[in-house]
Amino acid sequence: MYRQPRKGARAALKGTFTLLGMTPVEYLAYGETAGRGNIYTESEIVAVNMHRFGALRSFALDPDESAQMIRSLAEKEPS
């Protein structure tokens, strides 16, 4: 059974990626897997990565939520 991850618990599951804004309307994607990096210029691949980035942002904690999470984890850590 698939369960939607809670906020702050999601990662880029297919490896790291970076979107590079070359101009206001032109983007490139840089993806990295197991010791290899690639630059993608194909609009379909760039669009998929832009969509992934948007999805990741929707799960990200806001700054206050992040600070609260860090505080709660620090309180649980044994001295």
C-alpha atoms as a PDB file:
ATOM      1  CA  MET A   1       0.000   0.000   0.000  1.00  0.00           C
ATOM      2  CA  TYR A   2       1.417   3.396  -1.032  1.00  0.00           C
ATOM      3  CA  ARG A   3       1.356   6.131   1.562  1.00  0.00           C
ATOM      4  CA  GLN A   4       2.086   9.756   0.770  1.00  0.00           C
ATOM      5  CA  PRO A   5       5.251  10.824   2.639  1.00  0.00           C
ATOM      6  CA  ARG A   6       4.717  13.433   5.312  1.00  0.00           C
ATOM      7  CA  LYS A   7       6.219  16.868   4.888  1.00  0.00           C
ATOM      8  CA  GLY A   8       9.975  16.951   5.262  1.00  0.00           C
ATOM      9  CA  ALA A   9      10.352  13.201   4.709  1.00  0.00           C
ATOM     10  CA  ARG A  10      10.806  13.149   0.955  1.00  0.00           C
ATOM     11  CA  ALA A  11      14.029  13.081  -1.053  1.00  0.00           C
ATOM     12  CA  ALA A  12      15.032  13.121  -4.710  1.00  0.00           C
ATOM     13  CA  LEU A  13      14.772   9.356  -4.959  1.00  0.00           C
ATOM     14  CA  LYS A  14      16.430   8.995  -8.351  1.00  0.00           C
ATOM     15  CA  GLY A  15      19.625  10.825  -7.439  1.00  0.00           C
ATOM     16  CA  THR A  16      20.657  14.429  -7.101  1.00  0.00           C
ATOM     17  CA  PHE A  17      19.828  17.031  -9.686  1.00  0.00           C
ATOM     18  CA  THR A  18      20.293  20.744 -10.231  1.00  0.00           C
ATOM     19  CA  LEU A  19      18.340  23.107 -12.455  1.00  0.00           C
ATOM     20  CA  LEU A  20      20.468  25.763 -14.110  1.00  0.00           C
ATOM     21  CA  GLY A  21      18.762  28.961 -15.249  1.00  0.00           C
ATOM     22  CA  MET A  22      20.813  30.143 -18.201  1.00  0.00           C
ATOM     23  CA  THR A  23      18.389  32.925 -19.161  1.00  0.00           C
ATOM     24  CA  PRO A  24      14.931  33.791 -17.809  1.00  0.00           C
ATOM     25  CA  VAL A  25      13.419  31.274 -20.264  1.00  0.00           C
ATOM     26  CA  GLU A  26      16.204  28.722 -20.789  1.00  0.00           C
ATOM     27  CA  TYR A  27      17.065  26.023 -18.273  1.00  0.00           C
ATOM     28  CA  LEU A  28      19.423  23.078 -18.227  1.00  0.00           C
ATOM     29  CA  ALA A  29      19.322  20.116 -15.877  1.00  0.00           C
ATOM     30  CA  TYR A  30      22.355  18.503 -14.292  1.00  0.00           C
ATOM     31  CA  GLY A  31      21.812  15.019 -12.890  1.00  0.00           C
ATOM     32  CA  GLU A  32      24.179  12.860 -10.896  1.00  0.00           C
ATOM     33  CA  THR A  33      24.105   9.134 -10.234  1.00  0.00           C
ATOM     34  CA  ALA A  34      26.715   6.721  -8.843  1.00  0.00           C
ATOM     35  CA  GLY A  35      29.809   8.741  -9.727  1.00  0.00           C
ATOM     36  CA  ARG A  36      28.558  10.116 -13.030  1.00  0.00           C
ATOM     37  CA  GLY A  37      27.115  13.501 -13.893  1.00  0.00           C
ATOM     38  CA  ASN A  38      25.242  14.561 -17.017  1.00  0.00           C
ATOM     39  CA  ILE A  39      24.011  17.878 -18.374  1.00  0.00           C
ATOM     40  CA  TYR A  40      20.642  17.677 -20.112  1.00  0.00           C
ATOM     41  CA  THR A  41      19.420  20.263 -22.596  1.00  0.00           C
ATOM     42  CA  GLU A  42      16.418  18.361 -23.999  1.00  0.00           C
ATOM     43  CA  SER A  43      13.257  20.250 -23.085  1.00  0.00           C
ATOM     44  CA  GLU A  44      11.390  17.073 -22.069  1.00  0.00           C
ATOM     45  CA  ILE A  45      14.083  16.040 -19.576  1.00  0.00           C
ATOM     46  CA  VAL A  46      14.410  19.581 -18.212  1.00  0.00           C
ATOM     47  CA  ALA A  47      10.604  19.758 -17.792  1.00  0.00           C
ATOM     48  CA  VAL A  48      10.542  16.472 -15.849  1.00  0.00           C
ATOM     49  CA  ASN A  49      13.236  17.775 -13.511  1.00  0.00           C
ATOM     50  CA  MET A  50      11.421  21.087 -13.054  1.00  0.00           C
ATOM     51  CA  HIS A  51       8.317  19.094 -12.120  1.00  0.00           C
ATOM     52  CA  ARG A  52      10.363  16.983  -9.642  1.00  0.00           C
ATOM     53  CA  PHE A  53      11.727  20.162  -8.076  1.00  0.00           C
ATOM     54  CA  GLY A  54       8.223  21.585  -7.683  1.00  0.00           C
ATOM     55  CA  ALA A  55       7.041  18.357  -6.070  1.00  0.00           C
ATOM     56  CA  LEU A  56       9.989  18.377  -3.655  1.00  0.00           C
ATOM     57  CA  ARG A  57       9.290  21.989  -2.703  1.00  0.00           C
ATOM     58  CA  SER A  58       5.677  21.126  -1.922  1.00  0.00           C
ATOM     59  CA  PHE A  59       6.896  18.621   0.699  1.00  0.00           C
ATOM     60  CA  ALA A  60       9.572  20.863   2.205  1.00  0.00           C
ATOM     61  CA  LEU A  61       9.149  22.241   5.676  1.00  0.00           C
ATOM     62  CA  ASP A  62       8.968  25.999   6.036  1.00  0.00           C
ATOM     63  CA  PRO A  63      11.737  27.655   8.119  1.00  0.00           C
ATOM     64  CA  ASP A  64       9.716  27.623  11.352  1.00  0.00           C
ATOM     65  CA  GLU A  65       8.749  23.971  10.895  1.00  0.00           C
ATOM     66  CA  SER A  66      12.392  23.103  10.172  1.00  0.00           C
ATOM     67  CA  ALA A  67      13.569  24.852  13.327  1.00  0.00           C
ATOM     68  CA  GLN A  68      10.909  23.061  15.384  1.00  0.00           C
ATOM     69  CA  MET A  69      11.911  19.691  13.925  1.00  0.00           C
ATOM     70  CA  ILE A  70      15.583  20.331  14.732  1.00  0.00           C
ATOM     71  CA  ARG A  71      14.698  21.384  18.288  1.00  0.00           C
ATOM     72  CA  SER A  72      12.573  18.289  18.849  1.00  0.00           C
ATOM     73  CA  LEU A  73      15.301  16.000  17.518  1.00  0.00           C
ATOM     74  CA  ALA A  74      17.932  17.733  19.680  1.00  0.00           C
ATOM     75  CA  GLU A  75      15.742  17.245  22.771  1.00  0.00           C
ATOM     76  CA  LYS A  76      15.551  13.492  22.062  1.00  0.00           C
ATOM     77  CA  GLU A  77      19.326  13.153  21.632  1.00  0.00           C
ATOM     78  CA  PRO A  78      21.003  11.746  24.771  1.00  0.00           C
ATOM     79  CA  SER A  79      23.630  14.012  26.319  1.00  0.00           C
END
